[in-house]
C-alpha atoms as a PDB file:
ATOM      1  CA  MET A   1     -19.668  56.094  22.599  1.00  0.00           C
ATOM      2  CA  SER A   2     -20.362  54.105  25.851  1.00  0.00           C
ATOM      3  CA  LEU A   3     -17.880  56.709  27.442  1.00  0.00           C
ATOM      4  CA  PHE A   4     -20.832  59.329  27.358  1.00  0.00           C
ATOM      5  CA  LEU A   5     -23.026  57.337  28.892  1.00  0.00           C
ATOM      6  CA  GLY A   6     -23.609  56.312  32.839  1.00  0.00           C
ATOM      7  CA  LYS A   7     -25.527  53.418  34.962  1.00  0.00           C
ATOM      8  CA  ILE A   8     -28.804  55.828  34.885  1.00  0.00           C
ATOM      9  CA  HIS A   9     -28.964  55.844  31.491  1.00  0.00           C
ATOM     10  CA  TYR A  10     -28.454  52.096  31.312  1.00  0.00           C
ATOM     11  CA  TRP A  11     -31.202  51.665  34.025  1.00  0.00           C
ATOM     12  CA  LEU A  12     -33.689  53.989  32.287  1.00  0.00           C
ATOM     13  CA  TYR A  13     -33.388  51.834  28.920  1.00  0.00           C
ATOM     14  CA  ASN A  14     -33.747  48.765  30.538  1.00  0.00           C
ATOM     15  CA  LYS A  15     -36.912  50.080  32.136  1.00  0.00           C
ATOM     16  CA  ILE A  16     -38.033  51.182  28.474  1.00  0.00           C
ATOM     17  CA  ILE A  17     -37.097  47.585  27.121  1.00  0.00           C
ATOM     18  CA  TRP A  18     -39.577  45.994  29.851  1.00  0.00           C
ATOM     19  CA  TYR A  19     -42.289  48.459  28.997  1.00  0.00           C
ATOM     20  CA  GLU A  20     -41.930  47.226  25.148  1.00  0.00           C
ATOM     21  CA  LYS A  21     -42.054  43.361  26.450  1.00  0.00           C
ATOM     22  CA  ILE A  22     -45.842  43.947  27.443  1.00  0.00           C
ATOM     23  CA  GLU A  23     -46.209  45.659  24.071  1.00  0.00           C
ATOM     24  CA  LEU A  24     -44.699  42.598  22.329  1.00  0.00           C
ATOM     25  CA  ASP A  25     -46.868  40.208  24.495  1.00  0.00           C
ATOM     26  CA  ILE A  26     -50.341  42.050  23.764  1.00  0.00           C
ATOM     27  CA  ILE A  27     -49.085  41.921  19.782  1.00  0.00           C
ATOM     28  CA  LYS A  28     -48.529  38.199  20.048  1.00  0.00           C
ATOM     29  CA  TRP A  29     -51.551  37.481  22.040  1.00  0.00           C
ATOM     30  CA  ALA A  30     -53.801  39.696  19.382  1.00  0.00           C
ATOM     31  CA  GLN A  31     -51.995  37.688  16.543  1.00  0.00           C
ATOM     32  CA  GLU A  32     -53.322  34.426  18.151  1.00  0.00           C
ATOM     33  CA  GLU A  33     -56.649  35.929  18.534  1.00  0.00           C
ATOM     34  CA  GLU A  34     -56.706  37.081  14.589  1.00  0.00           C
ATOM     35  CA  LEU A  35     -56.945  40.816  15.411  1.00  0.00           C
ATOM     36  CA  PRO A  36     -56.003  43.046  12.782  1.00  0.00           C
ATOM     37  CA  ILE A  37     -52.867  43.892  14.831  1.00  0.00           C
ATOM     38  CA  GLY A  38     -50.285  43.909  11.891  1.00  0.00           C
ATOM     39  CA  THR A  39     -52.518  46.948  10.495  1.00  0.00           C
ATOM     40  CA  TRP A  40     -52.679  48.533  13.675  1.00  0.00           C
ATOM     41  CA  VAL A  41     -49.023  48.095  14.664  1.00  0.00           C
ATOM     42  CA  GLN A  42     -47.939  49.642  11.254  1.00  0.00           C
ATOM     43  CA  ASP A  43     -50.160  52.625  11.759  1.00  0.00           C
ATOM     44  CA  ILE A  44     -49.151  53.150  15.022  1.00  0.00           C
ATOM     45  CA  ASN A  45     -45.475  53.049  14.605  1.00  0.00           C
ATOM     46  CA  GLU A  46     -45.458  55.418  11.781  1.00  0.00           C
ATOM     47  CA  LYS A  47     -47.212  57.780  14.228  1.00  0.00           C
ATOM     48  CA  TYR A  48     -45.025  57.174  17.353  1.00  0.00           C
ATOM     49  CA  GLY A  49     -41.936  55.276  16.299  1.00  0.00           C
ATOM     50  CA  PRO A  50     -41.269  51.659  16.331  1.00  0.00           C
ATOM     51  CA  PRO A  51     -39.979  49.791  19.597  1.00  0.00           C
ATOM     52  CA  LEU A  52     -36.219  49.965  20.203  1.00  0.00           C
ATOM     53  CA  GLY A  53     -35.478  46.394  19.912  1.00  0.00           C
ATOM     54  CA  ALA A  54     -32.410  44.417  21.377  1.00  0.00           C
ATOM     55  CA  GLU A  55     -29.748  46.617  19.858  1.00  0.00           C
ATOM     56  CA  PRO A  56     -27.370  47.632  22.799  1.00  0.00           C
ATOM     57  CA  LEU A  57     -28.093  51.044  24.267  1.00  0.00           C
ATOM     58  CA  GLU A  58     -24.682  52.636  23.003  1.00  0.00           C
ATOM     59  CA  GLN A  59     -25.622  51.759  19.519  1.00  0.00           C
ATOM     60  CA  LEU A  60     -28.623  53.744  19.378  1.00  0.00           C
ATOM     61  CA  ILE A  61     -28.383  56.515  21.416  1.00  0.00           C
ATOM     62  CA  ASP A  62     -28.075  60.343  20.248  1.00  0.00           C
ATOM     63  CA  THR A  63     -24.775  60.837  22.451  1.00  0.00           C
ATOM     64  CA  SER A  64     -25.071  64.609  21.589  1.00  0.00           C
ATOM     65  CA  ASN A  65     -28.558  65.005  23.544  1.00  0.00           C
ATOM     66  CA  ILE A  66     -28.816  61.884  25.599  1.00  0.00           C
ATOM     67  CA  HIS A  67     -31.745  63.299  27.950  1.00  0.00           C
ATOM     68  CA  ALA A  68     -33.896  64.228  24.934  1.00  0.00           C
ATOM     69  CA  TRP A  69     -33.208  60.920  23.152  1.00  0.00           C
ATOM     70  CA  LEU A  70     -34.592  58.976  26.495  1.00  0.00           C
ATOM     71  CA  GLN A  71     -37.097  61.302  26.727  1.00  0.00           C
ATOM     72  CA  GLU A  72     -38.477  60.585  23.371  1.00  0.00           C
ATOM     73  CA  ARG A  73     -38.432  56.852  23.512  1.00  0.00           C
ATOM     74  CA  ILE A  74     -40.652  56.680  26.671  1.00  0.00           C
ATOM     75  CA  GLU A  75     -42.953  59.133  24.931  1.00  0.00           C
ATOM     76  CA  SER A  76     -42.781  56.565  21.844  1.00  0.00           C
ATOM     77  CA  ALA A  77     -43.311  53.588  23.971  1.00  0.00           C
ATOM     78  CA  GLU A  78     -45.920  55.287  26.171  1.00  0.00           C
ATOM     79  CA  LEU A  79     -48.176  56.270  22.944  1.00  0.00           C
ATOM     80  CA  ARG A  80     -47.302  52.858  21.427  1.00  0.00           C
ATOM     81  CA  GLN A  81     -48.840  51.021  24.316  1.00  0.00           C
ATOM     82  CA  ALA A  82     -51.791  53.137  25.095  1.00  0.00           C
ATOM     83  CA  ALA A  83     -53.044  53.209  21.183  1.00  0.00           C
ATOM     84  CA  ILE A  84     -52.529  49.426  20.924  1.00  0.00           C
ATOM     85  CA  ILE A  85     -54.679  48.545  24.112  1.00  0.00           C
ATOM     86  CA  THR A  86     -57.051  51.252  23.013  1.00  0.00           C
ATOM     87  CA  GLN A  87     -57.552  49.661  19.746  1.00  0.00           C
ATOM     88  CA  VAL A  88     -58.150  46.476  21.195  1.00  0.00           C
ATOM     89  CA  LEU A  89     -60.574  47.163  23.652  1.00  0.00           C
ATOM     90  CA  ASN A  90     -62.447  49.028  21.013  1.00  0.00           C
ATOM     91  CA  ARG A  91     -62.604  45.983  19.335  1.00  0.00           C
ATOM     92  CA  ASN A  92     -63.966  44.274  22.418  1.00  0.00           C
ATOM     93  CA  VAL A  93     -64.050  45.585  26.102  1.00  0.00           C
ATOM     94  CA  ASP A  94     -63.999  41.799  27.306  1.00  0.00           C
ATOM     95  CA  TYR A  95     -60.183  41.530  25.926  1.00  0.00           C
ATOM     96  CA  MET A  96     -59.190  43.415  29.322  1.00  0.00           C
ATOM     97  CA  LYS A  97     -59.459  40.115  30.971  1.00  0.00           C
ATOM     98  CA  ALA A  98     -56.448  38.823  28.564  1.00  0.00           C
ATOM     99  CA  LEU A  99     -54.628  41.921  29.031  1.00  0.00           C
ATOM    100  CA  THR A 100     -54.951  41.781  32.423  1.00  0.00           C
ATOM    101  CA  GLY A 101     -53.216  38.213  32.464  1.00  0.00           C
ATOM    102  CA  ILE A 102     -50.721  39.560  30.288  1.00  0.00           C
ATOM    103  CA  TYR A 103     -49.596  42.339  32.957  1.00  0.00           C
ATOM    104  CA  LYS A 104     -50.008  40.077  35.709  1.00  0.00           C
ATOM    105  CA  ASN A 105     -47.482  37.533  33.784  1.00  0.00           C
ATOM    106  CA  GLN A 106     -44.955  40.083  33.103  1.00  0.00           C
ATOM    107  CA  GLY A 107     -44.870  41.747  36.669  1.00  0.00           C
ATOM    108  CA  LYS A 108     -44.178  38.074  37.588  1.00  0.00           C
ATOM    109  CA  ALA A 109     -41.316  37.960  35.226  1.00  0.00           C
ATOM    110  CA  ALA A 110     -39.750  41.033  36.201  1.00  0.00           C
ATOM    111  CA  ALA A 111     -39.901  39.676  39.928  1.00  0.00           C
ATOM    112  CA  GLU A 112     -38.028  36.486  38.659  1.00  0.00           C
ATOM    113  CA  ASP A 113     -35.546  38.591  37.060  1.00  0.00           C
ATOM    114  CA  TYR A 114     -34.381  40.676  39.902  1.00  0.00           C
ATOM    115  CA  GLN A 115     -31.709  39.683  42.102  1.00  0.00           C
ATOM    116  CA  GLY A 116     -31.189  42.107  44.847  1.00  0.00           C
ATOM    117  CA  GLU A 117     -32.402  42.072  48.655  1.00  0.00           C
ATOM    118  CA  THR A 118     -35.840  42.176  49.499  1.00  0.00           C
ATOM    119  CA  SER A 119     -35.806  41.931  53.198  1.00  0.00           C
ATOM    120  CA  VAL A 120     -38.100  45.201  53.835  1.00  0.00           C
ATOM    121  CA  PRO A 121     -40.763  47.143  52.295  1.00  0.00           C
ATOM    122  CA  GLU A 122     -38.701  49.689  51.002  1.00  0.00           C
ATOM    123  CA  ASP A 123     -36.072  47.187  49.310  1.00  0.00           C
ATOM    124  CA  VAL A 124     -39.275  46.027  47.459  1.00  0.00           C
ATOM    125  CA  PHE A 125     -40.102  49.448  46.366  1.00  0.00           C
ATOM    126  CA  ASN A 126     -36.442  49.967  45.113  1.00  0.00           C
ATOM    127  CA  ALA A 127     -36.630  46.990  42.863  1.00  0.00           C
ATOM    128  CA  LEU A 128     -39.919  47.963  41.488  1.00  0.00           C
ATOM    129  CA  ASN A 129     -38.422  51.240  40.403  1.00  0.00           C
ATOM    130  CA  ASP A 130     -35.663  49.173  38.398  1.00  0.00           C
ATOM    131  CA  TYR A 131     -38.657  48.004  36.248  1.00  0.00           C
ATOM    132  CA  ILE A 132     -41.460  50.275  36.247  1.00  0.00           C
ATOM    133  CA  LEU A 133     -41.684  52.993  33.738  1.00  0.00           C
ATOM    134  CA  GLU A 134     -42.585  56.269  35.698  1.00  0.00           C
ATOM    135  CA  GLY A 135     -40.968  59.138  33.315  1.00  0.00           C
ATOM    136  CA  MET A 136     -37.759  60.310  33.653  1.00  0.00           C
ATOM    137  CA  PRO A 137     -35.979  60.443  37.315  1.00  0.00           C
ATOM    138  CA  CYS A 138     -36.028  64.132  37.334  1.00  0.00           C
ATOM    139  CA  ASP A 139     -39.871  64.192  37.068  1.00  0.00           C
ATOM    140  CA  ARG A 140     -39.646  62.750  40.825  1.00  0.00           C
ATOM    141  CA  VAL A 141     -43.286  61.247  40.396  1.00  0.00           C
ATOM    142  CA  ASN A 142     -43.063  59.392  44.021  1.00  0.00           C
ATOM    143  CA  GLU A 143     -43.137  61.253  47.489  1.00  0.00           C
ATOM    144  CA  ILE A 144     -42.447  58.655  50.256  1.00  0.00           C
ATOM    145  CA  LEU A 145     -44.618  59.167  53.035  1.00  0.00           C
ATOM    146  CA  SER A 146     -43.438  56.099  55.382  1.00  0.00           C
ATOM    147  CA  SER A 147     -40.934  53.719  55.805  1.00  0.00           C
ATOM    148  CA  ASP A 148     -40.262  50.969  58.347  1.00  0.00           C
ATOM    149  CA  ASP A 149     -39.702  47.307  58.345  1.00  0.00           C
ATOM    150  CA  ASN A 150     -43.236  46.376  58.190  1.00  0.00           C
ATOM    151  CA  GLU A 151     -44.812  49.332  55.697  1.00  0.00           C
ATOM    152  CA  PHE A 152     -43.567  51.648  52.782  1.00  0.00           C
ATOM    153  CA  VAL A 153     -46.180  53.980  51.845  1.00  0.00           C
ATOM    154  CA  TRP A 154     -45.922  56.407  48.911  1.00  0.00           C
ATOM    155  CA  LYS A 155     -47.867  58.972  47.183  1.00  0.00           C
ATOM    156  CA  SER A 156     -48.068  59.564  43.446  1.00  0.00           C
ATOM    157  CA  THR A 157     -47.975  63.503  43.122  1.00  0.00           C
ATOM    158  CA  ILE A 158     -48.525  63.679  39.533  1.00  0.00           C
ATOM    159  CA  CYS A 159     -49.597  61.662  36.579  1.00  0.00           C
ATOM    160  CA  LEU A 160     -47.331  61.366  33.619  1.00  0.00           C
ATOM    161  CA  HIS A 161     -49.412  59.106  31.444  1.00  0.00           C
ATOM    162  CA  ALA A 162     -52.852  60.703  30.929  1.00  0.00           C
ATOM    163  CA  PRO A 163     -51.504  63.188  28.265  1.00  0.00           C
ATOM    164  CA  TYR A 164     -50.455  60.040  26.133  1.00  0.00           C
ATOM    165  CA  TRP A 165     -53.769  58.183  26.476  1.00  0.00           C
ATOM    166  CA  LYS A 166     -55.469  61.571  25.540  1.00  0.00           C
ATOM    167  CA  LYS A 167     -53.329  61.883  22.386  1.00  0.00           C
ATOM    168  CA  VAL A 168     -54.762  58.241  21.340  1.00  0.00           C
ATOM    169  CA  GLU A 169     -58.287  58.690  22.582  1.00  0.00           C
ATOM    170  CA  GLY A 170     -58.087  55.981  25.243  1.00  0.00           C
ATOM    171  CA  ASP A 171     -58.849  56.060  29.066  1.00  0.00           C
ATOM    172  CA  VAL A 172     -55.905  56.512  31.386  1.00  0.00           C
ATOM    173  CA  ASN A 173     -57.829  54.444  33.985  1.00  0.00           C
ATOM    174  CA  ILE A 174     -57.251  51.599  32.076  1.00  0.00           C
ATOM    175  CA  PHE A 175     -53.724  52.028  32.089  1.00  0.00           C
ATOM    176  CA  TYR A 176     -53.535  52.408  36.131  1.00  0.00           C
ATOM    177  CA  GLU A 177     -55.962  49.433  36.396  1.00  0.00           C
ATOM    178  CA  LEU A 178     -53.670  47.238  34.219  1.00  0.00           C
ATOM    179  CA  ARG A 179     -50.505  48.639  36.151  1.00  0.00           C
ATOM    180  CA  GLU A 180     -51.926  47.817  39.410  1.00  0.00           C
ATOM    181  CA  THR A 181     -52.184  44.315  38.171  1.00  0.00           C
ATOM    182  CA  TRP A 182     -48.415  44.622  37.248  1.00  0.00           C
ATOM    183  CA  VAL A 183     -47.012  46.101  40.468  1.00  0.00           C
ATOM    184  CA  LYS A 184     -49.179  43.567  42.721  1.00  0.00           C
ATOM    185  CA  ALA A 185     -47.695  40.533  40.668  1.00  0.00           C
ATOM    186  CA  PHE A 186     -44.297  42.120  40.829  1.00  0.00           C
ATOM    187  CA  VAL A 187     -44.206  42.612  44.717  1.00  0.00           C
ATOM    188  CA  GLU A 188     -46.038  39.449  45.611  1.00  0.00           C
ATOM    189  CA  GLU A 189     -43.625  37.151  43.443  1.00  0.00           C
ATOM    190  CA  LEU A 190     -40.718  39.059  44.318  1.00  0.00           C
ATOM    191  CA  ASN A 191     -41.417  38.342  48.168  1.00  0.00           C
ATOM    192  CA  HIS A 192     -44.090  36.363  49.411  1.00  0.00           C
ATOM    193  CA  ASP A 193     -44.153  38.123  52.627  1.00  0.00           C
ATOM    194  CA  PHE A 194     -45.186  41.287  51.314  1.00  0.00           C
ATOM    195  CA  THR A 195     -48.158  42.592  49.689  1.00  0.00           C
ATOM    196  CA  TYR A 196     -49.226  45.819  47.216  1.00  0.00           C
ATOM    197  CA  VAL A 197     -52.337  48.163  47.678  1.00  0.00           C
ATOM    198  CA  ARG A 198     -52.978  51.149  45.808  1.00  0.00           C
ATOM    199  CA  SER A 199     -55.704  53.517  47.235  1.00  0.00           C
ATOM    200  CA  VAL A 200     -58.059  55.524  45.434  1.00  0.00           C
ATOM    201  CA  ASP A 201     -56.219  58.795  46.492  1.00  0.00           C
ATOM    202  CA  ASN A 202     -52.847  57.554  44.903  1.00  0.00           C
ATOM    203  CA  THR A 203     -51.315  56.305  47.934  1.00  0.00           C
ATOM    204  CA  HIS A 204     -49.506  53.334  47.467  1.00  0.00           C
ATOM    205  CA  SER A 205     -48.336  50.724  50.219  1.00  0.00           C
ATOM    206  CA  ILE A 206     -45.957  47.622  50.282  1.00  0.00           C
ATOM    207  CA  SER A 207     -46.754  45.825  53.520  1.00  0.00           C
ATOM    208  CA  ARG A 208     -45.651  43.041  55.405  1.00  0.00           C
ATOM    209  CA  LYS A 209     -48.383  40.064  55.394  1.00  0.00           C
ATOM    210  CA  GLN A 210     -49.528  39.022  59.057  1.00  0.00           C
ATOM    211  CA  LYS A 211     -48.429  35.789  60.139  1.00  0.00           C
ATOM    212  CA  GLY A 212     -51.025  33.267  59.178  1.00  0.00           C
ATOM    213  CA  ARG A 213     -52.132  34.922  56.220  1.00  0.00           C
END
């Protein structure tokens, strides 16, 4: 079965797994807070499908329609996470602080997992795209604006996430706030010489820090 699969399919599967790790961390935290997370998760999984778990890709994927299977898994993961976060914040908006901490810690964990080169900002951007879930490769969400040894700048041309948050009656701005925390933690843990900034117009930059800062 693995003969039907290429590197890009494993690459995308790995991104989904990392996305699900945030979901699992939120569930664990919610259990410690004694929230009714078990009931929420059961309902959410019934609506949108359960997480992939730890099974190898070749034992899970429908090789007769690989693209559709991966797209469905992305949609499932996005909907579950949006629904869980919305349920948590509907219970208490002050839980946003804990959720931010979960995203920050997971961004750092992903950076620690990465083994590649990160000597220039574009390296860091490429590393980021090995972990962050932004639809299918064919969606081409990011447009590169500039790149040199000191700064890499790109713009998000479309938002793939809003429909998922709308479906669960949540606020996609919460997603972007949390993901910004994740990306900043990832970039600055991956290489302490760089920092990340997202502008209000959805322009993103990874920049080399000025000396002495």
